[in-house]
N, C-alpha and C. Protein backbone atom coordinates (compact mmCIF):
# COMPACT_ATOMS: atom_id res chain seq x y z
N MET A 1 0.83 -1.18 0.00
CA MET A 1 0.00 0.00 0.00
C MET A 1 0.88 1.25 0.00
N ILE A 2 0.30 2.32 -0.43
CA ILE A 2 1.00 3.60 -0.45
C ILE A 2 0.69 4.32 0.87
N GLU A 3 1.70 4.38 1.75
CA GLU A 3 1.49 4.97 3.07
C GLU A 3 2.19 6.31 3.23
N THR A 4 3.27 6.51 2.49
CA THR A 4 4.01 7.76 2.64
C THR A 4 4.25 8.38 1.27
N ILE A 5 4.78 9.59 1.31
CA ILE A 5 5.09 10.30 0.07
C ILE A 5 6.15 9.54 -0.72
N SER A 6 7.13 8.98 -0.04
CA SER A 6 8.19 8.26 -0.76
C SER A 6 7.63 7.02 -1.45
N ASP A 7 6.66 6.34 -0.84
CA ASP A 7 6.01 5.21 -1.51
C ASP A 7 5.27 5.69 -2.76
N PHE A 8 4.55 6.81 -2.62
CA PHE A 8 3.82 7.36 -3.75
C PHE A 8 4.77 7.73 -4.88
N LEU A 9 5.88 8.40 -4.54
CA LEU A 9 6.85 8.81 -5.56
C LEU A 9 7.47 7.60 -6.26
N SER A 10 7.79 6.57 -5.50
CA SER A 10 8.39 5.39 -6.13
C SER A 10 7.40 4.70 -7.07
N VAL A 11 6.12 4.60 -6.66
CA VAL A 11 5.12 3.99 -7.53
C VAL A 11 4.87 4.89 -8.75
N PHE A 12 4.83 6.19 -8.56
CA PHE A 12 4.61 7.13 -9.65
C PHE A 12 5.75 7.07 -10.66
N ILE A 13 6.98 7.05 -10.19
CA ILE A 13 8.15 6.99 -11.09
C ILE A 13 8.19 5.64 -11.80
N MET A 14 7.84 4.57 -11.09
CA MET A 14 7.80 3.26 -11.74
C MET A 14 6.76 3.26 -12.86
N GLY A 15 5.62 3.90 -12.64
CA GLY A 15 4.60 4.00 -13.67
C GLY A 15 5.09 4.81 -14.86
N LEU A 16 5.78 5.93 -14.60
CA LEU A 16 6.33 6.74 -15.68
C LEU A 16 7.34 5.96 -16.51
N ILE A 17 8.19 5.21 -15.82
CA ILE A 17 9.18 4.40 -16.54
C ILE A 17 8.49 3.33 -17.39
N ALA A 18 7.44 2.72 -16.86
CA ALA A 18 6.70 1.70 -17.62
C ALA A 18 6.05 2.33 -18.85
N ILE A 19 5.45 3.51 -18.69
CA ILE A 19 4.83 4.19 -19.83
C ILE A 19 5.90 4.56 -20.86
N TYR A 20 7.06 5.07 -20.41
CA TYR A 20 8.15 5.41 -21.31
C TYR A 20 8.62 4.18 -22.07
N CYS A 21 8.73 3.04 -21.40
CA CYS A 21 9.18 1.81 -22.06
C CYS A 21 8.20 1.36 -23.14
N VAL A 22 6.91 1.49 -22.87
CA VAL A 22 5.90 1.11 -23.86
C VAL A 22 5.99 2.03 -25.08
N ILE A 23 6.12 3.34 -24.84
CA ILE A 23 6.22 4.30 -25.94
C ILE A 23 7.51 4.06 -26.74
N TYR A 24 8.61 3.81 -26.05
CA TYR A 24 9.89 3.55 -26.73
C TYR A 24 9.80 2.28 -27.57
N PHE A 25 9.20 1.22 -27.02
CA PHE A 25 9.04 -0.02 -27.76
C PHE A 25 8.18 0.21 -29.00
N TYR A 26 7.14 1.01 -28.89
CA TYR A 26 6.29 1.32 -30.02
C TYR A 26 7.08 2.03 -31.12
N HIS A 27 7.88 3.04 -30.76
CA HIS A 27 8.67 3.77 -31.75
C HIS A 27 9.73 2.88 -32.40
N VAL A 28 10.35 2.02 -31.63
CA VAL A 28 11.35 1.11 -32.19
C VAL A 28 10.70 0.13 -33.16
N SER A 29 9.52 -0.38 -32.81
CA SER A 29 8.86 -1.32 -33.71
C SER A 29 8.40 -0.62 -34.99
N ILE A 30 7.95 0.63 -34.90
CA ILE A 30 7.57 1.38 -36.09
C ILE A 30 8.78 1.61 -36.99
N LYS A 31 9.91 1.97 -36.39
CA LYS A 31 11.14 2.19 -37.15
C LYS A 31 11.58 0.90 -37.84
N HIS A 32 11.50 -0.21 -37.12
CA HIS A 32 11.87 -1.50 -37.71
C HIS A 32 10.94 -1.84 -38.87
N ARG A 33 9.65 -1.58 -38.71
CA ARG A 33 8.68 -1.86 -39.78
C ARG A 33 8.97 -1.02 -41.01
N GLU A 34 9.32 0.26 -40.83
CA GLU A 34 9.64 1.14 -41.96
C GLU A 34 10.87 0.64 -42.71
N GLU A 35 11.91 0.26 -41.98
CA GLU A 35 13.12 -0.25 -42.63
C GLU A 35 12.83 -1.55 -43.38
N ASN A 36 12.00 -2.39 -42.79
CA ASN A 36 11.64 -3.65 -43.44
C ASN A 36 10.86 -3.39 -44.72
N MET A 37 9.92 -2.47 -44.68
CA MET A 37 9.13 -2.15 -45.86
C MET A 37 9.99 -1.51 -46.96
N LYS A 38 10.95 -0.67 -46.58
CA LYS A 38 11.86 -0.09 -47.57
C LYS A 38 12.69 -1.17 -48.24
N SER A 39 13.13 -2.14 -47.46
CA SER A 39 13.90 -3.25 -48.01
C SER A 39 13.06 -4.07 -48.99
N ILE A 40 11.83 -4.36 -48.61
CA ILE A 40 10.94 -5.13 -49.48
C ILE A 40 10.65 -4.35 -50.75
N GLU A 41 10.42 -3.04 -50.62
CA GLU A 41 10.13 -2.21 -51.78
C GLU A 41 11.33 -2.14 -52.73
N SER A 42 12.52 -2.01 -52.18
CA SER A 42 13.70 -1.93 -53.04
C SER A 42 13.93 -3.25 -53.76
N ARG A 43 13.71 -4.37 -53.07
CA ARG A 43 13.84 -5.67 -53.74
C ARG A 43 12.79 -5.83 -54.83
N TYR A 44 11.57 -5.36 -54.58
CA TYR A 44 10.50 -5.45 -55.57
C TYR A 44 10.85 -4.66 -56.82
N TYR A 45 11.27 -3.41 -56.66
CA TYR A 45 11.59 -2.60 -57.83
C TYR A 45 12.85 -3.08 -58.53
N ARG A 46 13.80 -3.62 -57.78
CA ARG A 46 15.01 -4.16 -58.41
C ARG A 46 14.67 -5.39 -59.25
N TYR A 47 13.71 -6.19 -58.78
CA TYR A 47 13.32 -7.39 -59.52
C TYR A 47 12.61 -7.03 -60.82
N TYR A 48 11.70 -6.06 -60.76
CA TYR A 48 10.92 -5.70 -61.94
C TYR A 48 11.57 -4.63 -62.80
N GLU A 49 12.75 -4.17 -62.43
CA GLU A 49 13.42 -3.10 -63.16
C GLU A 49 13.80 -3.53 -64.57
N GLY A 50 14.28 -4.74 -64.73
CA GLY A 50 14.77 -5.18 -66.03
C GLY A 50 13.71 -5.80 -66.92
N LEU A 51 12.53 -6.04 -66.40
CA LEU A 51 11.49 -6.68 -67.20
C LEU A 51 10.87 -5.70 -68.17
N ASP A 52 10.46 -6.23 -69.33
CA ASP A 52 9.79 -5.40 -70.34
C ASP A 52 8.32 -5.33 -69.97
N ASP A 53 7.79 -4.13 -69.87
CA ASP A 53 6.42 -3.93 -69.44
C ASP A 53 5.55 -3.53 -70.63
N GLY A 54 5.00 -4.50 -71.33
CA GLY A 54 4.10 -4.23 -72.44
C GLY A 54 4.81 -3.60 -73.62
N GLY A 55 5.77 -4.27 -74.19
CA GLY A 55 6.57 -3.71 -75.27
C GLY A 55 5.82 -3.52 -76.56
N ASP A 56 4.65 -4.16 -76.73
CA ASP A 56 3.93 -4.02 -77.99
C ASP A 56 3.01 -2.80 -78.00
N GLU A 57 2.94 -2.05 -76.91
CA GLU A 57 2.09 -0.87 -76.87
C GLU A 57 2.83 0.33 -77.47
N ASP A 58 2.08 1.22 -78.05
CA ASP A 58 2.64 2.44 -78.62
C ASP A 58 2.93 3.42 -77.49
N GLU A 59 4.15 3.97 -77.45
CA GLU A 59 4.55 4.89 -76.39
C GLU A 59 3.81 6.22 -76.47
N ASN A 60 3.41 6.64 -77.67
CA ASN A 60 2.75 7.94 -77.84
C ASN A 60 1.25 7.87 -77.58
N GLU A 61 0.72 6.68 -77.49
CA GLU A 61 -0.71 6.51 -77.28
C GLU A 61 -1.04 6.69 -75.79
N PRO A 62 -2.04 7.51 -75.46
CA PRO A 62 -2.38 7.69 -74.05
C PRO A 62 -3.01 6.45 -73.47
N TYR A 63 -2.83 6.26 -72.20
CA TYR A 63 -3.35 5.10 -71.51
C TYR A 63 -4.67 5.47 -70.83
N TYR A 64 -5.69 4.69 -71.11
CA TYR A 64 -7.00 4.90 -70.47
C TYR A 64 -7.40 3.60 -69.78
N GLU A 65 -7.81 3.70 -68.53
CA GLU A 65 -8.27 2.53 -67.83
C GLU A 65 -9.69 2.19 -68.28
N ASP A 66 -9.99 0.90 -68.29
CA ASP A 66 -11.34 0.46 -68.65
C ASP A 66 -12.25 0.55 -67.47
């Protein structure tokens, strides 16, 4: 139980540290996800970079979606 000011301060600081750890873990996981997605995207574009994409189409003809 919290009986004195020092008990309250220790519980309060422990709570702040726990909240900070959760926020820090969230930011680290977001950063890791961004780096992972950049890696996947670079591999995707590197794979499809050399492929011919519809070579029989006329370059001057505008593209219209159906």
